[in-house]
mmCIF file of all heavy atoms, coordinates in Angstrom:
data_MODEL
# 
_entry.id   MODEL 
# 
loop_
_atom_site.group_PDB 
_atom_site.id 
_atom_site.type_symbol 
_atom_site.label_atom_id 
_atom_site.label_alt_id 
_atom_site.label_comp_id 
_atom_site.label_asym_id 
_atom_site.label_entity_id 
_atom_site.label_seq_id 
_atom_site.pdbx_PDB_ins_code 
_atom_site.Cartn_x 
_atom_site.Cartn_y 
_atom_site.Cartn_z 
_atom_site.occupancy 
_atom_site.B_iso_or_equiv 
_atom_site.pdbx_formal_charge 
_atom_site.auth_seq_id 
_atom_site.auth_comp_id 
_atom_site.auth_asym_id 
_atom_site.auth_atom_id 
_atom_site.pdbx_PDB_model_num 
ATOM 1   N N   . GLU A 1 1  ? 14.131 -57.832 -20.800 1.00 0.00 ? 1  GLU A N   1 
ATOM 2   C CA  . GLU A 1 1  ? 15.471 -57.809 -21.379 1.00 0.00 ? 1  GLU A CA  1 
ATOM 3   C C   . GLU A 1 1  ? 16.373 -56.927 -20.529 1.00 0.00 ? 1  GLU A C   1 
ATOM 4   O O   . GLU A 1 1  ? 15.963 -55.865 -20.064 1.00 0.00 ? 1  GLU A O   1 
ATOM 5   C CB  . GLU A 1 1  ? 15.443 -57.278 -22.816 1.00 0.00 ? 1  GLU A CB  1 
ATOM 6   C CG  . GLU A 1 1  ? 16.810 -57.309 -23.489 1.00 0.00 ? 1  GLU A CG  1 
ATOM 7   C CD  . GLU A 1 1  ? 16.784 -56.768 -24.908 1.00 0.00 ? 1  GLU A CD  1 
ATOM 8   O OE1 . GLU A 1 1  ? 15.866 -55.989 -25.227 1.00 0.00 ? 1  GLU A OE1 1 
ATOM 9   O OE2 . GLU A 1 1  ? 17.680 -57.120 -25.690 1.00 0.00 ? 1  GLU A OE2 1 
ATOM 10  N N   . ASP A 1 2  ? 17.622 -57.373 -20.341 1.00 0.00 ? 2  ASP A N   1 
ATOM 11  C CA  . ASP A 1 2  ? 18.600 -56.571 -19.614 1.00 0.00 ? 2  ASP A CA  1 
ATOM 12  C C   . ASP A 1 2  ? 19.972 -56.750 -20.253 1.00 0.00 ? 2  ASP A C   1 
ATOM 13  O O   . ASP A 1 2  ? 20.277 -57.793 -20.830 1.00 0.00 ? 2  ASP A O   1 
ATOM 14  C CB  . ASP A 1 2  ? 18.653 -56.965 -18.132 1.00 0.00 ? 2  ASP A CB  1 
ATOM 15  C CG  . ASP A 1 2  ? 19.324 -55.898 -17.281 1.00 0.00 ? 2  ASP A CG  1 
ATOM 16  O OD1 . ASP A 1 2  ? 20.564 -55.900 -17.177 1.00 0.00 ? 2  ASP A OD1 1 
ATOM 17  O OD2 . ASP A 1 2  ? 18.605 -55.060 -16.707 1.00 0.00 ? 2  ASP A OD2 1 
ATOM 18  N N   . PHE A 1 3  ? 20.791 -55.713 -20.107 1.00 0.00 ? 3  PHE A N   1 
ATOM 19  C CA  . PHE A 1 3  ? 22.117 -55.650 -20.720 1.00 0.00 ? 3  PHE A CA  1 
ATOM 20  C C   . PHE A 1 3  ? 23.172 -56.414 -19.910 1.00 0.00 ? 3  PHE A C   1 
ATOM 21  O O   . PHE A 1 3  ? 24.317 -56.526 -20.338 1.00 0.00 ? 3  PHE A O   1 
ATOM 22  C CB  . PHE A 1 3  ? 22.512 -54.173 -20.832 1.00 0.00 ? 3  PHE A CB  1 
ATOM 23  C CG  . PHE A 1 3  ? 23.648 -53.879 -21.757 1.00 0.00 ? 3  PHE A CG  1 
ATOM 24  C CD1 . PHE A 1 3  ? 23.490 -53.968 -23.130 1.00 0.00 ? 3  PHE A CD1 1 
ATOM 25  C CD2 . PHE A 1 3  ? 24.885 -53.482 -21.268 1.00 0.00 ? 3  PHE A CD2 1 
ATOM 26  C CE1 . PHE A 1 3  ? 24.537 -53.667 -23.997 1.00 0.00 ? 3  PHE A CE1 1 
ATOM 27  C CE2 . PHE A 1 3  ? 25.939 -53.179 -22.120 1.00 0.00 ? 3  PHE A CE2 1 
ATOM 28  C CZ  . PHE A 1 3  ? 25.756 -53.283 -23.486 1.00 0.00 ? 3  PHE A CZ  1 
ATOM 29  N N   . ALA A 1 4  ? 22.809 -56.914 -18.739 1.00 0.00 ? 4  ALA A N   1 
ATOM 30  C CA  . ALA A 1 4  ? 23.784 -57.505 -17.817 1.00 0.00 ? 4  ALA A CA  1 
ATOM 31  C C   . ALA A 1 4  ? 24.618 -58.590 -18.492 1.00 0.00 ? 4  ALA A C   1 
ATOM 32  O O   . ALA A 1 4  ? 24.084 -59.505 -19.114 1.00 0.00 ? 4  ALA A O   1 
ATOM 33  C CB  . ALA A 1 4  ? 23.077 -58.085 -16.604 1.00 0.00 ? 4  ALA A CB  1 
ATOM 34  N N   . HIS A 1 5  ? 25.967 -58.489 -18.337 1.00 0.00 ? 5  HIS A N   1 
ATOM 35  C CA  . HIS A 1 5  ? 26.855 -59.474 -18.951 1.00 0.00 ? 5  HIS A CA  1 
ATOM 36  C C   . HIS A 1 5  ? 28.094 -59.724 -18.097 1.00 0.00 ? 5  HIS A C   1 
ATOM 37  O O   . HIS A 1 5  ? 29.082 -60.253 -18.587 1.00 0.00 ? 5  HIS A O   1 
ATOM 38  C CB  . HIS A 1 5  ? 27.268 -59.009 -20.352 1.00 0.00 ? 5  HIS A CB  1 
ATOM 39  C CG  . HIS A 1 5  ? 27.894 -57.645 -20.396 1.00 0.00 ? 5  HIS A CG  1 
ATOM 40  N ND1 . HIS A 1 5  ? 27.141 -56.507 -20.477 1.00 0.00 ? 5  HIS A ND1 1 
ATOM 41  C CD2 . HIS A 1 5  ? 29.182 -57.242 -20.354 1.00 0.00 ? 5  HIS A CD2 1 
ATOM 42  C CE1 . HIS A 1 5  ? 27.940 -55.448 -20.491 1.00 0.00 ? 5  HIS A CE1 1 
ATOM 43  N NE2 . HIS A 1 5  ? 29.194 -55.874 -20.412 1.00 0.00 ? 5  HIS A NE2 1 
ATOM 44  N N   . HIS A 1 6  ? 28.022 -59.364 -16.828 1.00 0.00 ? 6  HIS A N   1 
ATOM 45  C CA  . HIS A 1 6  ? 29.107 -59.592 -15.873 1.00 0.00 ? 6  HIS A CA  1 
ATOM 46  C C   . HIS A 1 6  ? 28.467 -60.309 -14.691 1.00 0.00 ? 6  HIS A C   1 
ATOM 47  O O   . HIS A 1 6  ? 27.305 -60.054 -14.354 1.00 0.00 ? 6  HIS A O   1 
ATOM 48  C CB  . HIS A 1 6  ? 29.685 -58.234 -15.453 1.00 0.00 ? 6  HIS A CB  1 
ATOM 49  C CG  . HIS A 1 6  ? 30.823 -58.307 -14.479 1.00 0.00 ? 6  HIS A CG  1 
ATOM 50  N ND1 . HIS A 1 6  ? 30.636 -58.594 -13.140 1.00 0.00 ? 6  HIS A ND1 1 
ATOM 51  C CD2 . HIS A 1 6  ? 32.160 -58.107 -14.634 1.00 0.00 ? 6  HIS A CD2 1 
ATOM 52  C CE1 . HIS A 1 6  ? 31.810 -58.570 -12.524 1.00 0.00 ? 6  HIS A CE1 1 
ATOM 53  N NE2 . HIS A 1 6  ? 32.747 -58.281 -13.411 1.00 0.00 ? 6  HIS A NE2 1 
ATOM 54  N N   . PRO A 1 7  ? 29.159 -61.257 -14.037 1.00 0.00 ? 7  PRO A N   1 
ATOM 55  C CA  . PRO A 1 7  ? 28.529 -62.022 -12.958 1.00 0.00 ? 7  PRO A CA  1 
ATOM 56  C C   . PRO A 1 7  ? 27.824 -61.168 -11.913 1.00 0.00 ? 7  PRO A C   1 
ATOM 57  O O   . PRO A 1 7  ? 26.708 -61.496 -11.480 1.00 0.00 ? 7  PRO A O   1 
ATOM 58  C CB  . PRO A 1 7  ? 29.698 -62.802 -12.350 1.00 0.00 ? 7  PRO A CB  1 
ATOM 59  C CG  . PRO A 1 7  ? 30.642 -62.982 -13.488 1.00 0.00 ? 7  PRO A CG  1 
ATOM 60  C CD  . PRO A 1 7  ? 30.534 -61.721 -14.306 1.00 0.00 ? 7  PRO A CD  1 
ATOM 61  N N   . THR A 1 8  ? 28.433 -60.076 -11.489 1.00 0.00 ? 8  THR A N   1 
ATOM 62  C CA  . THR A 1 8  ? 27.791 -59.230 -10.481 1.00 0.00 ? 8  THR A CA  1 
ATOM 63  C C   . THR A 1 8  ? 26.509 -58.621 -11.030 1.00 0.00 ? 8  THR A C   1 
ATOM 64  O O   . THR A 1 8  ? 25.479 -58.592 -10.345 1.00 0.00 ? 8  THR A O   1 
ATOM 65  C CB  . THR A 1 8  ? 28.746 -58.114 -10.020 1.00 0.00 ? 8  THR A CB  1 
ATOM 66  O OG1 . THR A 1 8  ? 29.907 -58.713 -9.442  1.00 0.00 ? 8  THR A OG1 1 
ATOM 67  C CG2 . THR A 1 8  ? 28.083 -57.208 -9.000  1.00 0.00 ? 8  THR A CG2 1 
ATOM 68  N N   . ALA A 1 9  ? 26.562 -58.121 -12.250 1.00 0.00 ? 9  ALA A N   1 
ATOM 69  C CA  . ALA A 1 9  ? 25.374 -57.515 -12.856 1.00 0.00 ? 9  ALA A CA  1 
ATOM 70  C C   . ALA A 1 9  ? 24.263 -58.540 -13.041 1.00 0.00 ? 9  ALA A C   1 
ATOM 71  O O   . ALA A 1 9  ? 23.079 -58.239 -12.833 1.00 0.00 ? 9  ALA A O   1 
ATOM 72  C CB  . ALA A 1 9  ? 25.737 -56.875 -14.190 1.00 0.00 ? 9  ALA A CB  1 
ATOM 73  N N   . ILE A 1 10 ? 24.620 -59.764 -13.425 1.00 0.00 ? 10 ILE A N   1 
ATOM 74  C CA  . ILE A 1 10 ? 23.614 -60.820 -13.573 1.00 0.00 ? 10 ILE A CA  1 
ATOM 75  C C   . ILE A 1 10 ? 22.959 -61.113 -12.226 1.00 0.00 ? 10 ILE A C   1 
ATOM 76  O O   . ILE A 1 10 ? 21.729 -61.198 -12.112 1.00 0.00 ? 10 ILE A O   1 
ATOM 77  C CB  . ILE A 1 10 ? 24.264 -62.095 -14.146 1.00 0.00 ? 10 ILE A CB  1 
ATOM 78  C CG1 . ILE A 1 10 ? 24.725 -61.843 -15.584 1.00 0.00 ? 10 ILE A CG1 1 
ATOM 79  C CG2 . ILE A 1 10 ? 23.288 -63.275 -14.096 1.00 0.00 ? 10 ILE A CG2 1 
ATOM 80  C CD1 . ILE A 1 10 ? 25.610 -62.946 -16.146 1.00 0.00 ? 10 ILE A CD1 1 
ATOM 81  N N   . ARG A 1 11 ? 23.779 -61.226 -11.189 1.00 0.00 ? 11 ARG A N   1 
ATOM 82  C CA  . ARG A 1 11 ? 23.250 -61.551 -9.858  1.00 0.00 ? 11 ARG A CA  1 
ATOM 83  C C   . ARG A 1 11 ? 22.288 -60.487 -9.358  1.00 0.00 ? 11 ARG A C   1 
ATOM 84  O O   . ARG A 1 11 ? 21.171 -60.793 -8.926  1.00 0.00 ? 11 ARG A O   1 
ATOM 85  C CB  . ARG A 1 11 ? 24.409 -61.728 -8.871  1.00 0.00 ? 11 ARG A CB  1 
ATOM 86  C CG  . ARG A 1 11 ? 23.956 -61.968 -7.429  1.00 0.00 ? 11 ARG A CG  1 
ATOM 87  C CD  . ARG A 1 11 ? 25.136 -62.165 -6.500  1.00 0.00 ? 11 ARG A CD  1 
ATOM 88  N NE  . ARG A 1 11 ? 26.069 -61.058 -6.538  1.00 0.00 ? 11 ARG A NE  1 
ATOM 89  C CZ  . ARG A 1 11 ? 25.884 -59.890 -5.898  1.00 0.00 ? 11 ARG A CZ  1 
ATOM 90  N NH1 . ARG A 1 11 ? 24.769 -59.684 -5.196  1.00 0.00 ? 11 ARG A NH1 1 
ATOM 91  N NH2 . ARG A 1 11 ? 26.792 -58.941 -5.960  1.00 0.00 ? 11 ARG A NH2 1 
ATOM 92  N N   . VAL A 1 12 ? 22.699 -59.216 -9.423  1.00 0.00 ? 12 VAL A N   1 
ATOM 93  C CA  . VAL A 1 12 ? 21.840 -58.161 -8.863  1.00 0.00 ? 12 VAL A CA  1 
ATOM 94  C C   . VAL A 1 12 ? 20.590 -57.954 -9.721  1.00 0.00 ? 12 VAL A C   1 
ATOM 95  O O   . VAL A 1 12 ? 19.524 -57.593 -9.194  1.00 0.00 ? 12 VAL A O   1 
ATOM 96  C CB  . VAL A 1 12 ? 22.612 -56.838 -8.666  1.00 0.00 ? 12 VAL A CB  1 
ATOM 97  C CG1 . VAL A 1 12 ? 23.747 -57.030 -7.669  1.00 0.00 ? 12 VAL A CG1 1 
ATOM 98  C CG2 . VAL A 1 12 ? 23.124 -56.253 -9.979  1.00 0.00 ? 12 VAL A CG2 1 
ATOM 99  N N   . THR A 1 13 ? 20.695 -58.192 -11.026 1.00 0.00 ? 13 THR A N   1 
ATOM 100 C CA  . THR A 1 13 ? 19.511 -58.081 -11.882 1.00 0.00 ? 13 THR A CA  1 
ATOM 101 C C   . THR A 1 13 ? 18.503 -59.169 -11.538 1.00 0.00 ? 13 THR A C   1 
ATOM 102 O O   . THR A 1 13 ? 17.298 -58.900 -11.423 1.00 0.00 ? 13 THR A O   1 
ATOM 103 C CB  . THR A 1 13 ? 19.906 -58.163 -13.367 1.00 0.00 ? 13 THR A CB  1 
ATOM 104 O OG1 . THR A 1 13 ? 20.799 -57.092 -13.669 1.00 0.00 ? 13 THR A OG1 1 
ATOM 105 C CG2 . THR A 1 13 ? 18.683 -58.077 -14.262 1.00 0.00 ? 13 THR A CG2 1 
ATOM 106 N N   . LEU A 1 14 ? 18.984 -60.390 -11.355 1.00 0.00 ? 14 LEU A N   1 
ATOM 107 C CA  . LEU A 1 14 ? 18.084 -61.486 -10.970 1.00 0.00 ? 14 LEU A CA  1 
ATOM 108 C C   . LEU A 1 14 ? 17.462 -61.240 -9.593  1.00 0.00 ? 14 LEU A C   1 
ATOM 109 O O   . LEU A 1 14 ? 16.287 -61.539 -9.370  1.00 0.00 ? 14 LEU A O   1 
ATOM 110 C CB  . LEU A 1 14 ? 18.841 -62.814 -10.994 1.00 0.00 ? 14 LEU A CB  1 
ATOM 111 C CG  . LEU A 1 14 ? 18.923 -63.473 -12.372 1.00 0.00 ? 14 LEU A CG  1 
ATOM 112 C CD1 . LEU A 1 14 ? 20.004 -64.548 -12.387 1.00 0.00 ? 14 LEU A CD1 1 
ATOM 113 C CD2 . LEU A 1 14 ? 17.574 -64.075 -12.748 1.00 0.00 ? 14 LEU A CD2 1 
ATOM 114 N N   . GLU A 1 15 ? 18.243 -60.690 -8.681  1.00 0.00 ? 15 GLU A N   1 
ATOM 115 C CA  . GLU A 1 15 ? 17.687 -60.361 -7.361  1.00 0.00 ? 15 GLU A CA  1 
ATOM 116 C C   . GLU A 1 15 ? 16.580 -59.318 -7.486  1.00 0.00 ? 15 GLU A C   1 
ATOM 117 O O   . GLU A 1 15 ? 15.562 -59.384 -6.784  1.00 0.00 ? 15 GLU A O   1 
ATOM 118 C CB  . GLU A 1 15 ? 18.800 -59.869 -6.432  1.00 0.00 ? 15 GLU A CB  1 
ATOM 119 C CG  . GLU A 1 15 ? 19.765 -60.962 -6.005  1.00 0.00 ? 15 GLU A CG  1 
ATOM 120 C CD  . GLU A 1 15 ? 20.989 -60.435 -5.275  1.00 0.00 ? 15 GLU A CD  1 
ATOM 121 O OE1 . GLU A 1 15 ? 21.161 -59.194 -5.204  1.00 0.00 ? 15 GLU A OE1 1 
ATOM 122 O OE2 . GLU A 1 15 ? 21.786 -61.263 -4.781  1.00 0.00 ? 15 GLU A OE2 1 
ATOM 123 N N   . ALA A 1 16 ? 16.774 -58.338 -8.371  1.00 0.00 ? 16 ALA A N   1 
ATOM 124 C CA  . ALA A 1 16 ? 15.754 -57.313 -8.580  1.00 0.00 ? 16 ALA A CA  1 
ATOM 125 C C   . ALA A 1 16 ? 14.503 -57.896 -9.243  1.00 0.00 ? 16 ALA A C   1 
ATOM 126 O O   . ALA A 1 16 ? 13.367 -57.512 -8.901  1.00 0.00 ? 16 ALA A O   1 
ATOM 127 C CB  . ALA A 1 16 ? 16.315 -56.178 -9.432  1.00 0.00 ? 16 ALA A CB  1 
ATOM 128 N N   . ILE A 1 17 ? 14.689 -58.833 -10.179 1.00 0.00 ? 17 ILE A N   1 
ATOM 129 C CA  . ILE A 1 17 ? 13.549 -59.501 -10.804 1.00 0.00 ? 17 ILE A CA  1 
ATOM 130 C C   . ILE A 1 17 ? 12.764 -60.289 -9.751  1.00 0.00 ? 17 ILE A C   1 
ATOM 131 O O   . ILE A 1 17 ? 11.527 -60.247 -9.710  1.00 0.00 ? 17 ILE A O   1 
ATOM 132 C CB  . ILE A 1 17 ? 14.023 -60.445 -11.933 1.00 0.00 ? 17 ILE A CB  1 
ATOM 133 C CG1 . ILE A 1 17 ? 14.621 -59.634 -13.102 1.00 0.00 ? 17 ILE A CG1 1 
ATOM 134 C CG2 . ILE A 1 17 ? 12.887 -61.340 -12.412 1.00 0.00 ? 17 ILE A CG2 1 
ATOM 135 C CD1 . ILE A 1 17 ? 13.621 -58.871 -13.919 1.00 0.00 ? 17 ILE A CD1 1 
ATOM 136 N N   . ARG A 1 18 ? 13.485 -60.995 -8.886  1.00 0.00 ? 18 ARG A N   1 
ATOM 137 C CA  . ARG A 1 18 ? 12.819 -61.737 -7.821  1.00 0.00 ? 18 ARG A CA  1 
ATOM 138 C C   . ARG A 1 18 ? 12.064 -60.800 -6.874  1.00 0.00 ? 18 ARG A C   1 
ATOM 139 O O   . ARG A 1 18 ? 10.950 -61.089 -6.442  1.00 0.00 ? 18 ARG A O   1 
ATOM 140 C CB  . ARG A 1 18 ? 13.859 -62.559 -7.043  1.00 0.00 ? 18 ARG A CB  1 
ATOM 141 C CG  . ARG A 1 18 ? 13.361 -63.193 -5.749  1.00 0.00 ? 18 ARG A CG  1 
ATOM 142 C CD  . ARG A 1 18 ? 12.168 -64.127 -5.972  1.00 0.00 ? 18 ARG A CD  1 
ATOM 143 N NE  . ARG A 1 18 ? 12.539 -65.297 -6.735  1.00 0.00 ? 18 ARG A NE  1 
ATOM 144 C CZ  . ARG A 1 18 ? 11.819 -65.781 -7.746  1.00 0.00 ? 18 ARG A CZ  1 
ATOM 145 N NH1 . ARG A 1 18 ? 10.698 -65.183 -8.127  1.00 0.00 ? 18 ARG A NH1 1 
ATOM 146 N NH2 . ARG A 1 18 ? 12.210 -66.851 -8.403  1.00 0.00 ? 18 ARG A NH2 1 
ATOM 147 N N   . GLU A 1 19 ? 12.657 -59.648 -6.599  1.00 0.00 ? 19 GLU A N   1 
ATOM 148 C CA  . GLU A 1 19 ? 12.004 -58.666 -5.723  1.00 0.00 ? 19 GLU A CA  1 
ATOM 149 C C   . GLU A 1 19 ? 10.734 -58.119 -6.365  1.00 0.00 ? 19 GLU A C   1 
ATOM 150 O O   . GLU A 1 19 ? 9.714  -57.915 -5.699  1.00 0.00 ? 19 GLU A O   1 
ATOM 151 C CB  . GLU A 1 19 ? 12.983 -57.526 -5.422  1.00 0.00 ? 19 GLU A CB  1 
ATOM 152 C CG  . GLU A 1 19 ? 12.477 -56.506 -4.422  1.00 0.00 ? 19 GLU A CG  1 
ATOM 153 C CD  . GLU A 1 19 ? 13.534 -55.466 -4.119  1.00 0.00 ? 19 GLU A CD  1 
ATOM 154 O OE1 . GLU A 1 19 ? 14.363 -55.693 -3.213  1.00 0.00 ? 19 GLU A OE1 1 
ATOM 155 O OE2 . GLU A 1 19 ? 13.544 -54.420 -4.804  1.00 0.00 ? 19 GLU A OE2 1 
ATOM 156 N N   . ARG A 1 20 ? 10.791 -57.882 -7.666  1.00 0.00 ? 20 ARG A N   1 
ATOM 157 C CA  . ARG A 1 20 ? 9.626  -57.320 -8.353  1.00 0.00 ? 20 ARG A CA  1 
ATOM 158 C C   . ARG A 1 20 ? 8.512  -58.344 -8.517  1.00 0.00 ? 20 ARG A C   1 
ATOM 159 O O   . ARG A 1 20 ? 7.330  -58.008 -8.411  1.00 0.00 ? 20 ARG A O   1 
ATOM 160 C CB  . ARG A 1 20 ? 10.053 -56.793 -9.731  1.00 0.00 ? 20 ARG A CB  1 
ATOM 161 C CG  . ARG A 1 20 ? 8.924  -56.102 -10.467 1.00 0.00 ? 20 ARG A CG  1 
ATOM 162 C CD  . ARG A 1 20 ? 9.388  -55.439 -11.733 1.00 0.00 ? 20 ARG A CD  1 
ATOM 163 N NE  . ARG A 1 20 ? 8.312  -54.662 -12.338 1.00 0.00 ? 20 ARG A NE  1 
ATOM 164 C CZ  . ARG A 1 20 ? 8.432  -54.000 -13.480 1.00 0.00 ? 20 ARG A CZ  1 
ATOM 165 N NH1 . ARG A 1 20 ? 9.578  -54.011 -14.139 1.00 0.00 ? 20 ARG A NH1 1 
ATOM 166 N NH2 . ARG A 1 20 ? 7.403  -53.326 -13.974 1.00 0.00 ? 20 ARG A NH2 1 
ATOM 167 N N   . TRP A 1 21 ? 8.870  -59.606 -8.807  1.00 0.00 ? 21 TRP A N   1 
ATOM 168 C CA  . TRP A 1 21 ? 7.879  -60.658 -8.990  1.00 0.00 ? 21 TRP A CA  1 
ATOM 169 C C   . TRP A 1 21 ? 8.199  -61.808 -8.035  1.00 0.00 ? 21 TRP A C   1 
ATOM 170 O O   . TRP A 1 21 ? 8.689  -62.866 -8.454  1.00 0.00 ? 21 TRP A O   1 
ATOM 171 C CB  . TRP A 1 21 ? 7.889  -61.145 -10.441 1.00 0.00 ? 21 TRP A CB  1 
ATOM 172 C CG  . TRP A 1 21 ? 7.361  -60.131 -11.410 1.00 0.00 ? 21 TRP A CG  1 
ATOM 173 C CD1 . TRP A 1 21 ? 6.075  -59.672 -11.510 1.00 0.00 ? 21 TRP A CD1 1 
ATOM 174 C CD2 . TRP A 1 21 ? 8.101  -59.453 -12.447 1.00 0.00 ? 21 TRP A CD2 1 
ATOM 175 N NE1 . TRP A 1 21 ? 5.965  -58.754 -12.524 1.00 0.00 ? 21 TRP A NE1 1 
ATOM 176 C CE2 . TRP A 1 21 ? 7.180  -58.598 -13.129 1.00 0.00 ? 21 TRP A CE2 1 
ATOM 177 C CE3 . TRP A 1 21 ? 9.424  -59.485 -12.860 1.00 0.00 ? 21 TRP A CE3 1 
ATOM 178 C CZ2 . TRP A 1 21 ? 7.564  -57.785 -14.192 1.00 0.00 ? 21 TRP A CZ2 1 
ATOM 179 C CZ3 . TRP A 1 21 ? 9.803  -58.682 -13.917 1.00 0.00 ? 21 TRP A CZ3 1 
ATOM 180 C CH2 . TRP A 1 21 ? 8.896  -57.840 -14.578 1.00 0.00 ? 21 TRP A CH2 1 
ATOM 181 N N   . PRO A 1 22 ? 7.925  -61.642 -6.743  1.00 0.00 ? 22 PRO A N   1 
ATOM 182 C CA  . PRO A 1 22 ? 8.398  -62.602 -5.736  1.00 0.00 ? 22 PRO A CA  1 
ATOM 183 C C   . PRO A 1 22 ? 7.777  -63.989 -5.826  1.00 0.00 ? 22 PRO A C   1 
ATOM 184 O O   . PRO A 1 22 ? 8.360  -64.959 -5.335  1.00 0.00 ? 22 PRO A O   1 
ATOM 185 C CB  . PRO A 1 22 ? 8.030  -61.920 -4.414  1.00 0.00 ? 22 PRO A CB  1 
ATOM 186 C CG  . PRO A 1 22 ? 6.935  -60.963 -4.751  1.00 0.00 ? 22 PRO A CG  1 
ATOM 187 C CD  . PRO A 1 22 ? 7.211  -60.497 -6.142  1.00 0.00 ? 22 PRO A CD  1 
ATOM 188 N N   . ARG A 1 23 ? 6.620  -64.117 -6.464  1.00 0.00 ? 23 ARG A N   1 
ATOM 189 C CA  . ARG A 1 23 ? 5.940  -65.428 -6.472  1.00 0.00 ? 23 ARG A CA  1 
ATOM 190 C C   . ARG A 1 23 ? 5.897  -66.045 -7.869  1.00 0.00 ? 23 ARG A C   1 
ATOM 191 O O   . ARG A 1 23 ? 5.148  -66.981 -8.102  1.00 0.00 ? 23 ARG A O   1 
ATOM 192 C CB  . ARG A 1 23 ? 4.520  -65.266 -5.925  1.00 0.00 ? 23 ARG A CB  1 
ATOM 193 C CG  . ARG A 1 23 ? 4.491  -65.003 -4.412  1.00 0.00 ? 23 ARG A CG  1 
ATOM 194 C CD  . ARG A 1 23 ? 3.096  -64.730 -3.900  1.00 0.00 ? 23 ARG A CD  1 
ATOM 195 N NE  . ARG A 1 23 ? 2.607  -63.442 -4.366  1.00 0.00 ? 23 ARG A NE  1 
ATOM 196 C CZ  . ARG A 1 23 ? 2.916  -62.285 -3.797  1.00 0.00 ? 23 ARG A CZ  1 
ATOM 197 N NH1 . ARG A 1 23 ? 3.704  -62.263 -2.736  1.00 0.00 ? 23 ARG A NH1 1 
ATOM 198 N NH2 . ARG A 1 23 ? 2.441  -61.154 -4.268  1.00 0.00 ? 23 ARG A NH2 1 
ATOM 199 N N   . ARG A 1 24 ? 6.727  -65.521 -8.785  1.00 0.00 ? 24 ARG A N   1 
ATOM 200 C CA  . ARG A 1 24 ? 6.721  -66.054 -10.145 1.00 0.00 ? 24 ARG A CA  1 
ATOM 201 C C   . ARG A 1 24 ? 8.039  -66.751 -10.461 1.00 0.00 ? 24 ARG A C   1 
ATOM 202 O O   . ARG A 1 24 ? 9.091  -66.382 -9.951  1.00 0.00 ? 24 ARG A O   1 
ATOM 203 C CB  . ARG A 1 24 ? 6.447  -64.926 -11.146 1.00 0.00 ? 24 ARG A CB  1 
ATOM 204 C CG  . ARG A 1 24 ? 5.065  -64.303 -10.942 1.00 0.00 ? 24 ARG A CG  1 
ATOM 205 C CD  . ARG A 1 24 ? 4.847  -63.083 -11.825 1.00 0.00 ? 24 ARG A CD  1 
ATOM 206 N NE  . ARG A 1 24 ? 4.779  -63.424 -13.235 1.00 0.00 ? 24 ARG A NE  1 
ATOM 207 C CZ  . ARG A 1 24 ? 4.508  -62.537 -14.200 1.00 0.00 ? 24 ARG A CZ  1 
ATOM 208 N NH1 . ARG A 1 24 ? 4.272  -61.272 -13.876 1.00 0.00 ? 24 ARG A NH1 1 
ATOM 209 N NH2 . ARG A 1 24 ? 4.467  -62.913 -15.464 1.00 0.00 ? 24 ARG A NH2 1 
ATOM 210 N N   . ARG A 1 25 ? 7.952  -67.780 -11.296 1.00 0.00 ? 25 ARG A N   1 
ATOM 211 C CA  . ARG A 1 25 ? 9.132  -68.547 -11.673 1.00 0.00 ? 25 ARG A CA  1 
ATOM 212 C C   . ARG A 1 25 ? 9.953  -67.758 -12.700 1.00 0.00 ? 25 ARG A C   1 
ATOM 213 O O   . ARG A 1 25 ? 9.397  -67.085 -13.573 1.00 0.00 ? 25 ARG A O   1 
ATOM 214 C CB  . ARG A 1 25 ? 8.697  -69.892 -12.259 1.00 0.00 ? 25 ARG A CB  1 
ATOM 215 C CG  . ARG A 1 25 ? 9.735  -70.994 -12.178 1.00 0.00 ? 25 ARG A CG  1 
ATOM 216 C CD  . ARG A 1 25 ? 9.120  -72.314 -12.583 1.00 0.00 ? 25 ARG A CD  1 
ATOM 217 N NE  . ARG A 1 25 ? 8.703  -72.290 -13.980 1.00 0.00 ? 25 ARG A NE  1 
ATOM 218 C CZ  . ARG A 1 25 ? 9.030  -73.214 -14.897 1.00 0.00 ? 25 ARG A CZ  1 
ATOM 219 N NH1 . ARG A 1 25 ? 9.796  -74.230 -14.542 1.00 0.00 ? 25 ARG A NH1 1 
ATOM 220 N NH2 . ARG A 1 25 ? 8.591  -73.130 -16.117 1.00 0.00 ? 25 ARG A NH2 1 
# 
């Protein structure tokens, strides 16, 4: 769960999720 609700915050949060779990959907 994340509080992100602005396009920039959504983008960087998703990038961080991808970085943390690089091989998961």
